[in-house]
Amino acid sequence: MLERPGAANNLIKALSQVYRYANEYDLHNENPARKIEKLKSKNPDGFHAWTEKEIERFEAAHLVGSNAHLAFALLLNTGQRRSDVVKLGKQH
């Protein structure tokens, strides 16, 4: 999972919880997940949030009525995940 360090670290966290449960109920006597070193993230500072100036530049380049502007407006104004915006329709 070297190409996805965040997913690898999340797996270590989940396994650690499973072993913690097992230790608590005497099903296992140690937590080997604690010994695994976490991988460094490719982007330790997180993702860049757009500035107001970048938003204005995008809106100037993609006029109202374009698919790009619609997607941008939905993502910016609804607070939904990208996967949820894709599913939005007239019924919403």
C-alpha atoms as a PDB file:
ATOM      1  CA  MET A   1       0.000   0.000   0.000  1.00  0.00           C
ATOM      2  CA  LEU A   2       3.000   2.309  -0.474  1.00  0.00           C
ATOM      3  CA  GLU A   3       1.190   4.236  -3.205  1.00  0.00           C
ATOM      4  CA  ARG A   4      -1.669   4.988  -0.766  1.00  0.00           C
ATOM      5  CA  PRO A   5      -0.098   5.823   2.608  1.00  0.00           C
ATOM      6  CA  GLY A   6      -3.315   7.273   4.046  1.00  0.00           C
ATOM      7  CA  ALA A   7      -5.186   4.033   3.344  1.00  0.00           C
ATOM      8  CA  ALA A   8      -2.338   2.011   4.827  1.00  0.00           C
ATOM      9  CA  ASN A   9      -2.367   4.101   8.003  1.00  0.00           C
ATOM     10  CA  ASN A  10      -6.139   3.746   8.275  1.00  0.00           C
ATOM     11  CA  LEU A  11      -5.774  -0.026   8.000  1.00  0.00           C
ATOM     12  CA  ILE A  12      -3.231   0.013  10.829  1.00  0.00           C
ATOM     13  CA  LYS A  13      -5.672   2.046  12.953  1.00  0.00           C
ATOM     14  CA  ALA A  14      -8.498  -0.406  12.267  1.00  0.00           C
ATOM     15  CA  LEU A  15      -6.349  -3.439  13.050  1.00  0.00           C
ATOM     16  CA  SER A  16      -5.176  -1.796  16.243  1.00  0.00           C
ATOM     17  CA  GLN A  17      -8.801  -1.415  17.350  1.00  0.00           C
ATOM     18  CA  VAL A  18      -9.532  -5.073  16.566  1.00  0.00           C
ATOM     19  CA  TYR A  19      -6.552  -6.179  18.657  1.00  0.00           C
ATOM     20  CA  ARG A  20      -7.525  -3.786  21.446  1.00  0.00           C
ATOM     21  CA  TYR A  21     -10.947  -5.438  21.550  1.00  0.00           C
ATOM     22  CA  ALA A  22      -9.326  -8.892  21.500  1.00  0.00           C
ATOM     23  CA  ASN A  23      -7.026  -7.911  24.373  1.00  0.00           C
ATOM     24  CA  GLU A  24      -9.927  -6.531  26.396  1.00  0.00           C
ATOM     25  CA  TYR A  25     -11.861  -9.801  26.129  1.00  0.00           C
ATOM     26  CA  ASP A  26      -8.800 -12.036  26.609  1.00  0.00           C
ATOM     27  CA  LEU A  27      -8.894 -13.321  23.039  1.00  0.00           C
ATOM     28  CA  HIS A  28      -5.311 -12.220  22.351  1.00  0.00           C
ATOM     29  CA  ASN A  29      -2.478 -11.071  24.564  1.00  0.00           C
ATOM     30  CA  GLU A  30      -0.778  -8.339  22.528  1.00  0.00           C
ATOM     31  CA  ASN A  31      -1.406  -5.694  19.873  1.00  0.00           C
ATOM     32  CA  PRO A  32       1.032  -6.213  16.983  1.00  0.00           C
ATOM     33  CA  ALA A  33      -0.480  -3.289  15.075  1.00  0.00           C
ATOM     34  CA  ARG A  34       1.175  -0.915  17.557  1.00  0.00           C
ATOM     35  CA  LYS A  35       4.580  -2.082  16.354  1.00  0.00           C
ATOM     36  CA  ILE A  36       3.902  -1.113  12.734  1.00  0.00           C
ATOM     37  CA  GLU A  37       5.423   2.200  11.751  1.00  0.00           C
ATOM     38  CA  LYS A  38       3.006   4.548  10.002  1.00  0.00           C
ATOM     39  CA  LEU A  39       3.838   5.737   6.501  1.00  0.00           C
ATOM     40  CA  LYS A  40       4.483   9.374   5.775  1.00  0.00           C
ATOM     41  CA  SER A  41       1.753  11.062   3.778  1.00  0.00           C
ATOM     42  CA  LYS A  42       2.514  12.291   0.276  1.00  0.00           C
ATOM     43  CA  ASN A  43       0.896  15.590   1.192  1.00  0.00           C
ATOM     44  CA  PRO A  44       1.485  16.196   4.921  1.00  0.00           C
ATOM     45  CA  ASP A  45       0.038  19.723   4.779  1.00  0.00           C
ATOM     46  CA  GLY A  46      -3.309  18.547   3.397  1.00  0.00           C
ATOM     47  CA  PHE A  47      -5.050  19.863   0.318  1.00  0.00           C
ATOM     48  CA  HIS A  48      -4.898  23.454  -0.851  1.00  0.00           C
ATOM     49  CA  ALA A  49      -8.154  25.350  -0.316  1.00  0.00           C
ATOM     50  CA  TRP A  50      -8.955  27.810  -3.079  1.00  0.00           C
ATOM     51  CA  THR A  51      -8.639  31.493  -2.335  1.00  0.00           C
ATOM     52  CA  GLU A  52     -11.338  33.996  -3.270  1.00  0.00           C
ATOM     53  CA  LYS A  53      -9.173  35.133  -6.185  1.00  0.00           C
ATOM     54  CA  GLU A  54      -8.886  31.574  -7.531  1.00  0.00           C
ATOM     55  CA  ILE A  55     -12.650  31.135  -7.254  1.00  0.00           C
ATOM     56  CA  GLU A  56     -13.214  34.374  -9.200  1.00  0.00           C
ATOM     57  CA  ARG A  57     -10.779  33.233 -11.921  1.00  0.00           C
ATOM     58  CA  PHE A  58     -12.598  29.908 -12.273  1.00  0.00           C
ATOM     59  CA  GLU A  59     -16.006  31.572 -12.476  1.00  0.00           C
ATOM     60  CA  ALA A  60     -14.704  33.992 -15.121  1.00  0.00           C
ATOM     61  CA  ALA A  61     -13.356  31.118 -17.214  1.00  0.00           C
ATOM     62  CA  HIS A  62     -16.456  28.907 -16.858  1.00  0.00           C
ATOM     63  CA  LEU A  63     -19.649  30.843 -17.409  1.00  0.00           C
ATOM     64  CA  VAL A  64     -23.015  30.090 -15.831  1.00  0.00           C
ATOM     65  CA  GLY A  65     -24.708  27.288 -17.756  1.00  0.00           C
ATOM     66  CA  SER A  66     -21.547  25.269 -18.374  1.00  0.00           C
ATOM     67  CA  ASN A  67     -21.143  21.846 -16.789  1.00  0.00           C
ATOM     68  CA  ALA A  68     -17.933  22.964 -15.083  1.00  0.00           C
ATOM     69  CA  HIS A  69     -19.690  25.933 -13.463  1.00  0.00           C
ATOM     70  CA  LEU A  70     -22.606  23.752 -12.338  1.00  0.00           C
ATOM     71  CA  ALA A  71     -20.277  21.188 -10.761  1.00  0.00           C
ATOM     72  CA  PHE A  72     -18.249  23.923  -9.093  1.00  0.00           C
ATOM     73  CA  ALA A  73     -21.345  25.647  -7.693  1.00  0.00           C
ATOM     74  CA  LEU A  74     -22.718  22.374  -6.304  1.00  0.00           C
ATOM     75  CA  LEU A  75     -19.415  21.455  -4.681  1.00  0.00           C
ATOM     76  CA  LEU A  76     -18.838  24.932  -3.266  1.00  0.00           C
ATOM     77  CA  ASN A  77     -22.339  25.643  -1.988  1.00  0.00           C
ATOM     78  CA  THR A  78     -23.733  22.314  -0.821  1.00  0.00           C
ATOM     79  CA  GLY A  79     -20.889  21.037   1.330  1.00  0.00           C
ATOM     80  CA  GLN A  80     -21.391  17.552  -0.119  1.00  0.00           C
ATOM     81  CA  ARG A  81     -18.684  15.038  -0.893  1.00  0.00           C
ATOM     82  CA  ARG A  82     -17.592  14.720  -4.501  1.00  0.00           C
ATOM     83  CA  SER A  83     -19.172  11.252  -4.699  1.00  0.00           C
ATOM     84  CA  ASP A  84     -22.501  12.632  -3.426  1.00  0.00           C
ATOM     85  CA  VAL A  85     -22.566  15.598  -5.821  1.00  0.00           C
ATOM     86  CA  VAL A  86     -22.309  13.171  -8.729  1.00  0.00           C
ATOM     87  CA  LYS A  87     -25.557  11.527  -7.566  1.00  0.00           C
ATOM     88  CA  LEU A  88     -27.511  14.774  -7.155  1.00  0.00           C
ATOM     89  CA  GLY A  89     -30.466  15.191  -9.474  1.00  0.00           C
ATOM     90  CA  LYS A  90     -33.757  17.028  -9.911  1.00  0.00           C
ATOM     91  CA  GLN A  91     -35.285  15.018  -7.069  1.00  0.00           C
ATOM     92  CA  HIS A  92     -32.935  16.732  -4.629  1.00  0.00           C
END
